[in-house]
Amino acid sequence: MNLNTIFVAVALLAAVIAVALVFLSGKDMEDKKLTPLASLAFGFIIAGIYFGRTSLYAGYSCIAIGVLLSIVDIYMKSKKKH
């Protein structure tokens, strides 16, 4: 396997783990709605996977933006609950 395949596999695994942690946390369904920022982050990650096949820099950049947006979304959700 080449480095690109490994990176895509790790990114997808991280996304699946994050989704599983959110849905298995045991909280009510109101907290489990996808926020607009999380939707945008998910879109960037999917775009990064798609563009990673044609342009290496565009793919990695989109995935990095998606991860950063998801971290910001998690931070904003944690501040809202306190």
N, C-alpha and C. Protein backbone atom coordinates (compact mmCIF):
# COMPACT_ATOMS: atom_id res chain seq x y z
N MET A 1 0.84 -1.18 0.00
CA MET A 1 0.00 0.00 0.00
C MET A 1 0.89 1.24 0.00
N ASN A 2 0.42 2.23 -0.73
CA ASN A 2 1.19 3.47 -0.75
C ASN A 2 0.71 4.42 0.36
N LEU A 3 1.42 5.50 0.51
CA LEU A 3 1.14 6.43 1.59
C LEU A 3 -0.25 7.07 1.47
N ASN A 4 -0.69 7.36 0.26
CA ASN A 4 -2.01 7.96 0.06
C ASN A 4 -3.13 7.05 0.54
N THR A 5 -3.02 5.79 0.22
CA THR A 5 -4.05 4.83 0.63
C THR A 5 -4.11 4.71 2.14
N ILE A 6 -2.96 4.70 2.77
CA ILE A 6 -2.91 4.61 4.22
C ILE A 6 -3.53 5.86 4.85
N PHE A 7 -3.21 7.03 4.31
CA PHE A 7 -3.75 8.28 4.85
C PHE A 7 -5.27 8.32 4.71
N VAL A 8 -5.79 7.92 3.57
CA VAL A 8 -7.24 7.92 3.36
C VAL A 8 -7.90 6.93 4.31
N ALA A 9 -7.29 5.77 4.50
CA ALA A 9 -7.86 4.77 5.40
C ALA A 9 -7.89 5.28 6.84
N VAL A 10 -6.83 5.94 7.27
CA VAL A 10 -6.78 6.48 8.63
C VAL A 10 -7.81 7.60 8.79
N ALA A 11 -7.96 8.46 7.78
CA ALA A 11 -8.94 9.55 7.85
C ALA A 11 -10.36 9.00 7.93
N LEU A 12 -10.67 8.01 7.14
CA LEU A 12 -12.00 7.41 7.19
C LEU A 12 -12.25 6.70 8.52
N LEU A 13 -11.23 6.02 9.03
CA LEU A 13 -11.38 5.35 10.32
C LEU A 13 -11.62 6.37 11.43
N ALA A 14 -10.91 7.49 11.39
CA ALA A 14 -11.10 8.54 12.40
C ALA A 14 -12.52 9.12 12.31
N ALA A 15 -13.02 9.31 11.09
CA ALA A 15 -14.38 9.84 10.93
C ALA A 15 -15.41 8.86 11.46
N VAL A 16 -15.23 7.59 11.18
CA VAL A 16 -16.17 6.57 11.66
C VAL A 16 -16.14 6.49 13.18
N ILE A 17 -14.96 6.56 13.77
CA ILE A 17 -14.85 6.51 15.24
C ILE A 17 -15.52 7.73 15.86
N ALA A 18 -15.32 8.91 15.26
CA ALA A 18 -15.95 10.12 15.79
C ALA A 18 -17.47 10.03 15.73
N VAL A 19 -18.00 9.55 14.63
CA VAL A 19 -19.45 9.40 14.50
C VAL A 19 -19.97 8.37 15.50
N ALA A 20 -19.25 7.28 15.66
CA ALA A 20 -19.67 6.24 16.61
C ALA A 20 -19.68 6.78 18.04
N LEU A 21 -18.67 7.56 18.40
CA LEU A 21 -18.63 8.12 19.74
C LEU A 21 -19.79 9.08 19.99
N VAL A 22 -20.16 9.84 18.99
CA VAL A 22 -21.28 10.77 19.15
C VAL A 22 -22.59 10.02 19.33
N PHE A 23 -22.82 9.01 18.50
CA PHE A 23 -24.10 8.31 18.55
C PHE A 23 -24.19 7.30 19.69
N LEU A 24 -23.09 6.84 20.20
CA LEU A 24 -23.11 5.87 21.29
C LEU A 24 -22.90 6.51 22.65
N SER A 25 -22.90 7.82 22.71
CA SER A 25 -22.62 8.50 23.97
C SER A 25 -23.78 8.39 24.96
N GLY A 26 -24.95 8.03 24.49
CA GLY A 26 -26.08 7.83 25.39
C GLY A 26 -26.88 9.07 25.69
N LYS A 27 -26.65 10.14 24.98
CA LYS A 27 -27.41 11.37 25.21
C LYS A 27 -28.67 11.35 24.35
N ASP A 28 -29.56 12.30 24.61
CA ASP A 28 -30.81 12.32 23.85
C ASP A 28 -30.55 12.73 22.40
N MET A 29 -31.55 12.57 21.57
CA MET A 29 -31.41 12.80 20.12
C MET A 29 -31.24 14.28 19.78
N GLU A 30 -31.64 15.18 20.66
CA GLU A 30 -31.50 16.61 20.37
C GLU A 30 -30.04 17.00 20.22
N ASP A 31 -29.16 16.39 20.99
CA ASP A 31 -27.74 16.70 20.92
C ASP A 31 -27.06 16.05 19.72
N LYS A 32 -27.71 15.12 19.07
CA LYS A 32 -27.08 14.37 18.00
C LYS A 32 -27.34 14.93 16.61
N LYS A 33 -28.00 16.08 16.53
CA LYS A 33 -28.24 16.67 15.22
C LYS A 33 -26.93 17.20 14.66
N LEU A 34 -26.78 17.07 13.36
CA LEU A 34 -25.58 17.54 12.68
C LEU A 34 -25.67 19.05 12.51
N THR A 35 -24.69 19.76 13.02
CA THR A 35 -24.67 21.22 12.90
C THR A 35 -24.20 21.61 11.51
N PRO A 36 -24.49 22.83 11.09
CA PRO A 36 -24.00 23.28 9.78
C PRO A 36 -22.47 23.23 9.66
N LEU A 37 -21.78 23.54 10.75
CA LEU A 37 -20.32 23.50 10.72
C LEU A 37 -19.81 22.06 10.59
N ALA A 38 -20.47 21.13 11.24
CA ALA A 38 -20.09 19.72 11.12
C ALA A 38 -20.40 19.20 9.71
N SER A 39 -21.49 19.67 9.12
CA SER A 39 -21.81 19.27 7.75
C SER A 39 -20.75 19.79 6.78
N LEU A 40 -20.32 21.01 6.99
CA LEU A 40 -19.28 21.59 6.14
C LEU A 40 -17.96 20.83 6.31
N ALA A 41 -17.64 20.47 7.55
CA ALA A 41 -16.42 19.70 7.81
C ALA A 41 -16.49 18.34 7.11
N PHE A 42 -17.64 17.70 7.20
CA PHE A 42 -17.81 16.40 6.54
C PHE A 42 -17.66 16.55 5.03
N GLY A 43 -18.21 17.61 4.47
CA GLY A 43 -18.08 17.86 3.03
C GLY A 43 -16.63 18.07 2.62
N PHE A 44 -15.87 18.80 3.42
CA PHE A 44 -14.45 19.00 3.11
C PHE A 44 -13.67 17.69 3.17
N ILE A 45 -13.99 16.84 4.12
CA ILE A 45 -13.29 15.56 4.22
C ILE A 45 -13.61 14.69 3.01
N ILE A 46 -14.87 14.64 2.62
CA ILE A 46 -15.24 13.86 1.43
C ILE A 46 -14.58 14.44 0.18
N ALA A 47 -14.55 15.78 0.07
CA ALA A 47 -13.89 16.41 -1.07
C ALA A 47 -12.40 16.10 -1.07
N GLY A 48 -11.79 16.07 0.11
CA GLY A 48 -10.38 15.74 0.21
C GLY A 48 -10.08 14.33 -0.25
N ILE A 49 -10.97 13.42 0.08
CA ILE A 49 -10.80 12.04 -0.39
C ILE A 49 -10.95 11.99 -1.90
N TYR A 50 -11.91 12.72 -2.43
CA TYR A 50 -12.13 12.72 -3.88
C TYR A 50 -10.96 13.39 -4.62
N PHE A 51 -10.54 14.57 -4.16
CA PHE A 51 -9.48 15.29 -4.84
C PHE A 51 -8.10 14.71 -4.56
N GLY A 52 -7.98 13.86 -3.57
CA GLY A 52 -6.70 13.23 -3.27
C GLY A 52 -6.20 12.33 -4.38
N ARG A 53 -7.11 11.88 -5.21
CA ARG A 53 -6.71 11.02 -6.32
C ARG A 53 -6.11 11.81 -7.48
N THR A 54 -6.51 13.07 -7.61
CA THR A 54 -6.02 13.87 -8.74
C THR A 54 -4.94 14.85 -8.32
N SER A 55 -5.14 15.52 -7.22
CA SER A 55 -4.18 16.52 -6.76
C SER A 55 -3.87 16.26 -5.29
N LEU A 56 -2.64 15.92 -5.03
CA LEU A 56 -2.24 15.54 -3.68
C LEU A 56 -2.43 16.69 -2.70
N TYR A 57 -2.01 17.89 -3.09
CA TYR A 57 -2.11 19.04 -2.18
C TYR A 57 -3.56 19.45 -1.93
N ALA A 58 -4.38 19.40 -2.95
CA ALA A 58 -5.79 19.76 -2.77
C ALA A 58 -6.48 18.76 -1.85
N GLY A 59 -6.17 17.49 -1.99
CA GLY A 59 -6.79 16.47 -1.15
C GLY A 59 -6.42 16.62 0.30
N TYR A 60 -5.12 16.77 0.57
CA TYR A 60 -4.68 16.93 1.95
C TYR A 60 -5.18 18.24 2.55
N SER A 61 -5.23 19.27 1.74
CA SER A 61 -5.71 20.57 2.24
C SER A 61 -7.18 20.48 2.64
N CYS A 62 -7.99 19.85 1.80
CA CYS A 62 -9.42 19.72 2.12
C CYS A 62 -9.64 18.88 3.37
N ILE A 63 -8.88 17.80 3.50
CA ILE A 63 -9.02 16.96 4.70
C ILE A 63 -8.59 17.73 5.94
N ALA A 64 -7.51 18.49 5.84
CA ALA A 64 -7.04 19.28 6.98
C ALA A 64 -8.07 20.33 7.38
N ILE A 65 -8.68 20.99 6.40
CA ILE A 65 -9.72 21.98 6.69
C ILE A 65 -10.92 21.31 7.35
N GLY A 66 -11.30 20.15 6.86
CA GLY A 66 -12.42 19.42 7.45
C GLY A 66 -12.16 19.02 8.89
N VAL A 67 -10.95 18.56 9.18
CA VAL A 67 -10.60 18.18 10.55
C VAL A 67 -10.61 19.41 11.46
N LEU A 68 -10.04 20.51 10.98
CA LEU A 68 -10.03 21.74 11.78
C LEU A 68 -11.45 22.24 12.06
N LEU A 69 -12.31 22.19 11.05
CA LEU A 69 -13.70 22.62 11.26
C LEU A 69 -14.42 21.72 12.26
N SER A 70 -14.14 20.43 12.20
CA SER A 70 -14.79 19.52 13.15
C SER A 70 -14.29 19.77 14.57
N ILE A 71 -13.01 20.09 14.73
CA ILE A 71 -12.48 20.42 16.06
C ILE A 71 -13.13 21.70 16.59
N VAL A 72 -13.29 22.69 15.72
CA VAL A 72 -13.94 23.94 16.12
C VAL A 72 -15.39 23.65 16.52
N ASP A 73 -16.07 22.80 15.78
CA ASP A 73 -17.46 22.46 16.10
C ASP A 73 -17.55 21.75 17.45
N ILE A 74 -16.64 20.84 17.72
CA ILE A 74 -16.63 20.15 19.01
C ILE A 74 -16.38 21.14 20.14
N TYR A 75 -15.46 22.05 19.94
CA TYR A 75 -15.17 23.08 20.96
C TYR A 75 -16.38 23.96 21.21
N MET A 76 -17.06 24.38 20.14
CA MET A 76 -18.23 25.23 20.30
C MET A 76 -19.36 24.49 21.01
N LYS A 77 -19.55 23.22 20.71
CA LYS A 77 -20.58 22.44 21.39
C LYS A 77 -20.27 22.26 22.86
N SER A 78 -19.00 22.07 23.19
CA SER A 78 -18.65 21.88 24.60
C SER A 78 -18.82 23.17 25.39
N LYS A 79 -18.58 24.32 24.78
CA LYS A 79 -18.76 25.60 25.46
C LYS A 79 -20.24 25.93 25.65
N LYS A 80 -21.07 25.48 24.69
CA LYS A 80 -22.51 25.77 24.76
C LYS A 80 -23.16 25.02 25.92
N LYS A 81 -22.68 23.84 26.26
CA LYS A 81 -23.29 23.02 27.30
C LYS A 81 -22.95 23.51 28.69
N HIS A 82 -21.91 24.27 28.85
CA HIS A 82 -21.50 24.74 30.19
C HIS A 82 -22.07 26.09 30.51
